[in-house]
Amino acid sequence: MAFDLAEINYRTVSDPAGFIAECDAVYNSRIIHAADRIAANLKRSQVVFLSGPSGSGKTTTAQKLEEELGRRGIRTYAISMDNYFRTVDPDKSPRTPDGQMDYESPLCLDIELMSEHFRMLENGERIFVPKYEFSRQTRSPEPSKSIRLGKDEIVIFEGIHALNDIISSKDPGAFKLYISARSNVEFGHVLAFKSTWTRLIRRTVRDHLFRAYDPAKTIAIWANVRRGEKLNISPFKDKADLKLDTSLAYEIPVMNVVATNLFSAIPEGIERYEELRQVLPAIQLFGVIDQSLVAPDSLIREFIGGGIYEQ
């Protein structure tokens, strides 16, 4: 599916609030459909694997599914697989081809502990979910939460590697959901804005607001992020029971001002600067929508802040 640039810009000016509401309704309808499919799989497994590349909206999607399943009387717990990162060991951690620490590798995760937790949950045993402290690159001695599944309860494990065989094979009956911002933007029938650029903007804005990253840092690591996606995420997406597009037609207008300011400040000469030279003019093809019009429960709030969901 591709969005139409002319329609986006027309709605941006003529009825931005209605435009946002319509787009959010489409996304929410996909959440409802996914919840229906997950509920139908409950007798087979109480585990859901939710995967998607960086900037897909996994955290918000998991929490929205938790809400929607709750409306069906199915208590649901969402767990970020980031908490299963191993403490960084320079001598043992995986490396990229150029010798840098490879944080995009599934081997950074404690696969053995996850496998044991999948088994324990299916057997009705209590697990203590670890807590990873990214600032210190180490596992906290205190767990992040404790979970024991009762009858008709579900746990969603969300993470970029959730569908990777080394993880999903540990619970073959689990429902597998793949999400991503998959819709390009076209002008006529000509590609005007790539879906991967949408994810890059989401991540750059989020990293700046919530992680205090200089945008040049996000751009610099994007090459390794994309390399990791091609090696460790995309090969497994077709194993999903359901694919869900998280693209929102209004999101570039909403992030236009902040993204323009961030990208304009990036100096020449950094890695992938040539791609940036394509993205920045493409952003200018869109109009601007005031962020205040975006609902607090919108997926895009995961990236621009002001949302109701835990990040």
Protein backbone atom coordinates (compact mmCIF):
# COMPACT_ATOMS: atom_id res chain seq x y z
CA MET A 1 0.00 0.00 0.00
CA ALA A 2 1.22 3.52 -0.76
CA PHE A 3 -0.07 6.85 0.49
CA ASP A 4 -0.75 9.69 -1.94
CA LEU A 5 1.27 12.84 -1.28
CA ALA A 6 -1.33 15.16 -2.83
CA GLU A 7 -4.08 13.70 -0.61
CA ILE A 8 -1.88 13.99 2.50
CA ASN A 9 -1.17 17.66 1.83
CA TYR A 10 -4.80 18.41 1.01
CA ARG A 11 -6.03 16.84 4.27
CA THR A 12 -3.18 18.49 6.21
CA VAL A 13 -4.61 21.88 5.28
CA SER A 14 -8.34 21.20 4.96
CA ASP A 15 -9.05 19.01 7.99
CA PRO A 16 -5.97 17.98 10.00
CA ALA A 17 -7.92 16.81 13.05
CA GLY A 18 -10.25 14.65 10.96
CA PHE A 19 -7.28 13.34 8.98
CA ILE A 20 -5.50 12.25 12.15
CA ALA A 21 -8.64 10.61 13.54
CA GLU A 22 -9.22 8.63 10.34
CA CYS A 23 -5.62 7.38 10.21
CA ASP A 24 -5.66 6.39 13.87
CA ALA A 25 -8.94 4.53 13.30
CA VAL A 26 -7.34 2.47 10.52
CA TYR A 27 -4.42 1.53 12.75
CA ASN A 28 -6.77 0.69 15.63
CA SER A 29 -8.82 -1.56 13.33
CA ARG A 30 -5.63 -3.49 12.64
CA ILE A 31 -5.06 -3.83 16.37
CA ILE A 32 -8.57 -5.25 16.76
CA HIS A 33 -7.97 -7.76 13.97
CA ALA A 34 -4.65 -8.81 15.50
CA ALA A 35 -6.31 -9.23 18.91
CA ASP A 36 -8.97 -11.46 17.33
CA ARG A 37 -6.27 -13.66 15.79
CA ILE A 38 -4.26 -13.83 19.02
CA ALA A 39 -7.35 -14.74 21.07
CA ALA A 40 -8.16 -17.53 18.62
CA ASN A 41 -4.67 -18.99 19.22
CA LEU A 42 -4.96 -18.94 23.02
CA LYS A 43 -5.74 -22.65 23.37
CA ARG A 44 -2.59 -23.46 21.42
CA SER A 45 -0.23 -21.12 23.28
CA GLN A 46 -0.36 -18.29 25.82
CA VAL A 47 2.72 -16.66 24.27
CA VAL A 48 2.83 -14.01 21.52
CA PHE A 49 6.02 -13.03 19.69
CA LEU A 50 5.87 -9.48 18.35
CA SER A 51 8.72 -8.46 16.05
CA GLY A 52 9.57 -5.53 13.83
CA PRO A 53 12.53 -3.38 12.84
CA SER A 54 13.62 -0.24 14.65
CA GLY A 55 11.03 2.52 14.59
CA SER A 56 8.06 0.22 13.96
CA GLY A 57 6.12 1.11 17.09
CA LYS A 58 6.48 -2.24 18.86
CA THR A 59 6.13 -0.83 22.36
CA THR A 60 2.86 1.00 21.69
CA THR A 61 1.46 -1.84 19.59
CA ALA A 62 2.12 -4.33 22.39
CA GLN A 63 0.35 -2.12 24.93
CA LYS A 64 -2.59 -1.47 22.62
CA LEU A 65 -2.95 -5.23 22.12
CA GLU A 66 -2.84 -5.60 25.89
CA GLU A 67 -5.76 -3.17 26.16
CA GLU A 68 -7.76 -4.74 23.34
CA LEU A 69 -7.34 -8.27 24.66
CA GLY A 70 -8.34 -6.98 28.09
CA ARG A 71 -11.67 -5.89 26.61
CA ARG A 72 -12.19 -9.55 25.73
CA GLY A 73 -11.50 -10.62 29.29
CA ILE A 74 -7.98 -11.81 28.45
CA ARG A 75 -5.44 -10.41 30.86
CA THR A 76 -2.24 -9.66 28.98
CA TYR A 77 1.31 -8.84 29.98
CA ALA A 78 3.78 -7.09 27.67
CA ILE A 79 7.49 -7.82 28.07
CA SER A 80 10.28 -6.07 26.20
CA MET A 81 12.95 -8.51 25.07
CA ASP A 82 15.46 -5.70 25.62
CA ASN A 83 15.41 -6.75 29.27
CA TYR A 84 17.02 -10.05 28.24
CA PHE A 85 20.19 -8.40 26.97
CA ARG A 86 23.32 -9.92 28.44
CA THR A 87 25.74 -7.77 30.36
CA VAL A 88 28.22 -6.49 27.78
CA ASP A 89 31.48 -8.43 27.76
CA PRO A 90 34.00 -6.99 25.27
CA ASP A 91 35.69 -10.38 25.00
CA LYS A 92 32.54 -12.38 24.25
CA SER A 93 29.95 -9.99 22.76
CA PRO A 94 29.30 -10.27 18.98
CA ARG A 95 31.10 -7.94 16.62
CA THR A 96 30.28 -6.29 13.30
CA PRO A 97 32.46 -7.01 10.24
CA ASP A 98 34.51 -3.89 11.05
CA GLY A 99 35.13 -5.02 14.63
CA GLN A 100 32.60 -2.84 16.47
CA MET A 101 30.23 -4.17 19.12
CA ASP A 102 27.19 -5.57 17.28
CA TYR A 103 24.19 -4.52 19.33
CA GLU A 104 21.87 -5.61 16.50
CA SER A 105 22.79 -9.29 16.86
CA PRO A 106 20.35 -11.70 18.55
CA LEU A 107 23.38 -13.22 20.26
CA CYS A 108 23.36 -10.19 22.57
CA LEU A 109 20.25 -11.71 24.17
CA ASP A 110 20.15 -14.39 26.86
CA ILE A 111 18.46 -17.01 24.68
CA GLU A 112 18.79 -19.73 27.31
CA LEU A 113 16.97 -17.69 29.95
CA MET A 114 14.20 -16.73 27.52
CA SER A 115 13.72 -20.37 26.52
CA GLU A 116 13.46 -21.37 30.16
CA HIS A 117 10.93 -18.59 30.80
CA PHE A 118 8.77 -19.66 27.83
CA ARG A 119 8.65 -23.19 29.25
CA MET A 120 7.88 -22.02 32.77
CA LEU A 121 5.06 -19.72 31.62
CA GLU A 122 3.40 -22.46 29.59
CA ASN A 123 3.60 -24.72 32.67
CA GLY A 124 1.98 -22.14 34.93
CA GLU A 125 5.18 -21.33 36.80
CA ARG A 126 6.25 -17.87 37.95
CA ILE A 127 9.06 -16.06 36.16
CA PHE A 128 11.11 -13.06 37.22
CA VAL A 129 11.76 -10.89 34.17
CA PRO A 130 15.26 -9.41 34.24
CA LYS A 131 15.88 -5.68 34.01
CA TYR A 132 18.60 -4.32 31.74
CA GLU A 133 20.25 -0.99 32.46
CA PHE A 134 21.32 0.41 29.10
CA SER A 135 23.19 3.32 30.66
CA ARG A 136 25.57 0.85 32.34
CA GLN A 137 25.19 -1.93 29.73
CA THR A 138 24.55 -4.43 32.48
CA ARG A 139 21.72 -6.46 33.98
CA SER A 140 20.24 -5.09 37.18
CA PRO A 141 20.25 -7.37 40.24
CA GLU A 142 16.55 -6.58 40.66
CA PRO A 143 13.93 -8.02 38.25
CA SER A 144 11.73 -5.68 36.21
CA LYS A 145 8.56 -7.64 36.99
CA SER A 146 7.20 -10.99 38.13
CA ILE A 147 4.64 -12.90 36.04
CA ARG A 148 2.67 -16.10 36.43
CA LEU A 149 0.05 -16.82 33.79
CA GLY A 150 -3.37 -17.94 34.86
CA LYS A 151 -5.96 -19.59 32.63
CA ASP A 152 -6.88 -17.42 29.62
CA GLU A 153 -3.97 -15.05 30.17
CA ILE A 154 -1.38 -14.05 27.58
CA VAL A 155 2.15 -12.68 27.54
CA ILE A 156 3.52 -10.65 24.62
CA PHE A 157 7.28 -10.73 24.12
CA GLU A 158 8.18 -7.78 21.89
CA GLY A 159 11.56 -7.20 20.32
CA ILE A 160 13.34 -6.93 17.00
CA HIS A 161 14.43 -10.59 17.16
CA ALA A 162 11.17 -12.12 18.38
CA LEU A 163 10.59 -14.07 15.13
CA ASN A 164 14.19 -15.20 14.75
CA ASP A 165 14.32 -19.00 14.70
CA ILE A 166 16.72 -19.15 17.62
CA ILE A 167 13.95 -17.60 19.75
CA SER A 168 10.59 -18.46 18.17
CA SER A 169 11.51 -22.14 17.78
CA LYS A 170 11.56 -22.40 21.58
CA ASP A 171 7.74 -22.05 21.57
CA PRO A 172 6.43 -23.31 18.20
CA GLY A 173 2.78 -22.78 19.12
CA ALA A 174 3.19 -19.09 19.95
CA PHE A 175 1.35 -16.54 17.79
CA LYS A 176 3.82 -14.64 15.63
CA LEU A 177 3.13 -11.00 14.73
CA TYR A 178 5.36 -8.85 12.51
CA ILE A 179 4.89 -5.09 12.38
CA SER A 180 6.58 -2.29 10.47
CA ALA A 181 5.91 1.08 8.87
CA ARG A 182 5.55 -0.44 5.41
CA SER A 183 3.78 2.22 3.32
CA ASN A 184 5.72 4.43 0.92
CA VAL A 185 4.39 7.84 -0.17
CA GLU A 186 3.89 8.45 -3.90
CA PHE A 187 3.24 11.54 -5.99
CA GLY A 188 1.22 10.28 -8.90
CA HIS A 189 2.90 6.93 -9.42
CA VAL A 190 6.38 8.18 -8.55
CA LEU A 191 8.03 7.29 -5.23
CA ALA A 192 8.30 10.45 -3.14
CA PHE A 193 9.11 9.10 0.34
CA LYS A 194 10.40 5.66 1.36
CA SER A 195 8.91 3.77 4.30
CA THR A 196 12.44 3.22 5.65
CA TRP A 197 12.82 7.01 5.82
CA THR A 198 9.69 7.16 7.96
CA ARG A 199 11.30 4.78 10.44
CA LEU A 200 14.56 6.74 10.33
CA ILE A 201 12.67 9.95 11.20
CA ARG A 202 10.74 8.21 13.97
CA ARG A 203 13.96 6.92 15.49
CA THR A 204 15.89 10.19 15.09
CA VAL A 205 13.15 12.22 16.76
CA ARG A 206 12.72 9.67 19.57
CA ASP A 207 16.46 9.34 20.18
CA HIS A 208 16.79 13.10 20.43
CA LEU A 209 13.83 13.58 22.77
CA PHE A 210 14.21 10.54 25.05
CA ARG A 211 17.86 9.49 24.82
CA ALA A 212 19.53 12.89 24.32
CA TYR A 213 21.25 11.58 21.20
CA ASP A 214 22.74 13.98 18.74
CA PRO A 215 20.94 13.30 15.41
CA ALA A 216 24.34 12.71 13.78
CA LYS A 217 24.79 9.74 16.14
CA THR A 218 21.47 8.18 15.10
CA ILE A 219 22.32 8.64 11.42
CA ALA A 220 25.81 7.21 11.97
CA ILE A 221 24.50 3.99 13.54
CA TRP A 222 21.63 3.65 11.05
CA ALA A 223 23.90 1.75 8.63
CA ASN A 224 24.47 -0.98 11.21
CA VAL A 225 20.78 -0.96 12.17
CA ARG A 226 19.82 -1.58 8.54
CA ARG A 227 22.52 -4.24 8.19
CA GLY A 228 21.14 -6.01 11.25
CA GLU A 229 17.59 -5.83 9.87
CA LYS A 230 18.61 -7.48 6.61
CA LEU A 231 20.51 -10.24 8.41
CA ASN A 232 18.41 -10.90 11.50
CA ILE A 233 14.86 -9.55 11.03
CA SER A 234 13.68 -9.50 7.41
CA PRO A 235 14.55 -13.18 6.71
CA PHE A 236 12.02 -14.23 9.35
CA LYS A 237 9.10 -11.86 8.70
CA ASP A 238 7.34 -14.29 6.37
CA LYS A 239 7.06 -16.76 9.24
CA ALA A 240 4.62 -14.40 10.94
CA ASP A 241 0.99 -15.48 11.37
CA LEU A 242 0.03 -11.86 10.73
CA LYS A 243 1.75 -8.73 9.39
CA LEU A 244 0.57 -5.31 10.55
CA ASP A 245 1.43 -1.98 8.91
CA THR A 246 1.97 0.79 11.49
CA SER A 247 2.34 3.62 8.96
CA LEU A 248 0.27 6.73 9.64
CA ALA A 249 -0.31 9.04 6.67
CA TYR A 250 -0.20 12.15 8.87
CA GLU A 251 3.05 11.41 10.71
CA ILE A 252 5.56 13.22 8.48
CA PRO A 253 3.55 16.47 8.65
CA VAL A 254 3.44 16.08 12.45
CA MET A 255 7.21 15.50 12.69
CA ASN A 256 8.10 17.87 9.84
CA VAL A 257 9.38 20.81 11.89
CA VAL A 258 11.40 18.84 14.46
CA ALA A 259 12.81 16.45 11.83
CA THR A 260 13.81 19.33 9.56
CA ASN A 261 15.59 21.09 12.39
CA LEU A 262 17.42 17.95 13.51
CA PHE A 263 18.52 16.86 10.05
CA SER A 264 19.53 20.37 9.00
CA ALA A 265 21.96 20.52 11.93
CA ILE A 266 23.86 17.38 10.88
CA PRO A 267 27.29 18.24 9.45
CA GLU A 268 28.48 16.99 6.09
CA GLY A 269 30.87 14.08 5.91
CA ILE A 270 29.22 11.67 8.34
CA GLU A 271 28.42 8.12 7.24
CA ARG A 272 25.23 7.88 5.16
CA TYR A 273 25.21 11.66 4.60
CA GLU A 274 24.27 11.05 0.96
CA GLU A 275 21.04 9.38 2.08
CA LEU A 276 20.37 12.31 4.40
CA ARG A 277 20.68 14.65 1.41
CA GLN A 278 17.75 12.77 -0.15
CA VAL A 279 15.62 12.61 3.00
CA LEU A 280 15.73 16.28 3.95
CA PRO A 281 14.35 17.65 0.65
CA ALA A 282 11.72 14.88 0.66
CA ILE A 283 10.46 16.04 4.07
CA GLN A 284 9.90 19.49 2.57
CA LEU A 285 7.33 18.02 0.17
CA PHE A 286 4.92 17.71 3.12
CA GLY A 287 2.91 20.35 4.94
CA VAL A 288 2.90 20.80 8.71
CA ILE A 289 0.40 19.59 11.32
CA ASP A 290 0.49 20.89 14.89
CA GLN A 291 1.50 18.11 17.30
CA SER A 292 -1.16 19.25 19.76
CA LEU A 293 -3.82 17.71 17.49
CA VAL A 294 -2.40 14.21 17.98
CA ALA A 295 -4.29 12.09 20.53
CA PRO A 296 -2.34 10.94 23.61
CA ASP A 297 -3.03 7.29 22.71
CA SER A 298 -1.71 7.62 19.15
CA LEU A 299 1.15 5.36 18.12
CA ILE A 300 3.16 8.37 16.94
CA ARG A 301 3.31 9.58 20.56
CA GLU A 302 5.88 6.81 21.11
CA PHE A 303 8.27 8.96 19.08
CA ILE A 304 7.20 12.57 19.74
CA GLY A 305 6.27 12.21 23.43
CA GLY A 306 3.15 13.21 25.32
CA GLY A 307 1.58 9.76 25.13
CA ILE A 308 -0.20 7.66 27.72
CA TYR A 309 1.77 4.45 27.18
CA GLU A 310 4.87 3.41 29.06
CA GLN A 311 8.01 3.68 26.92
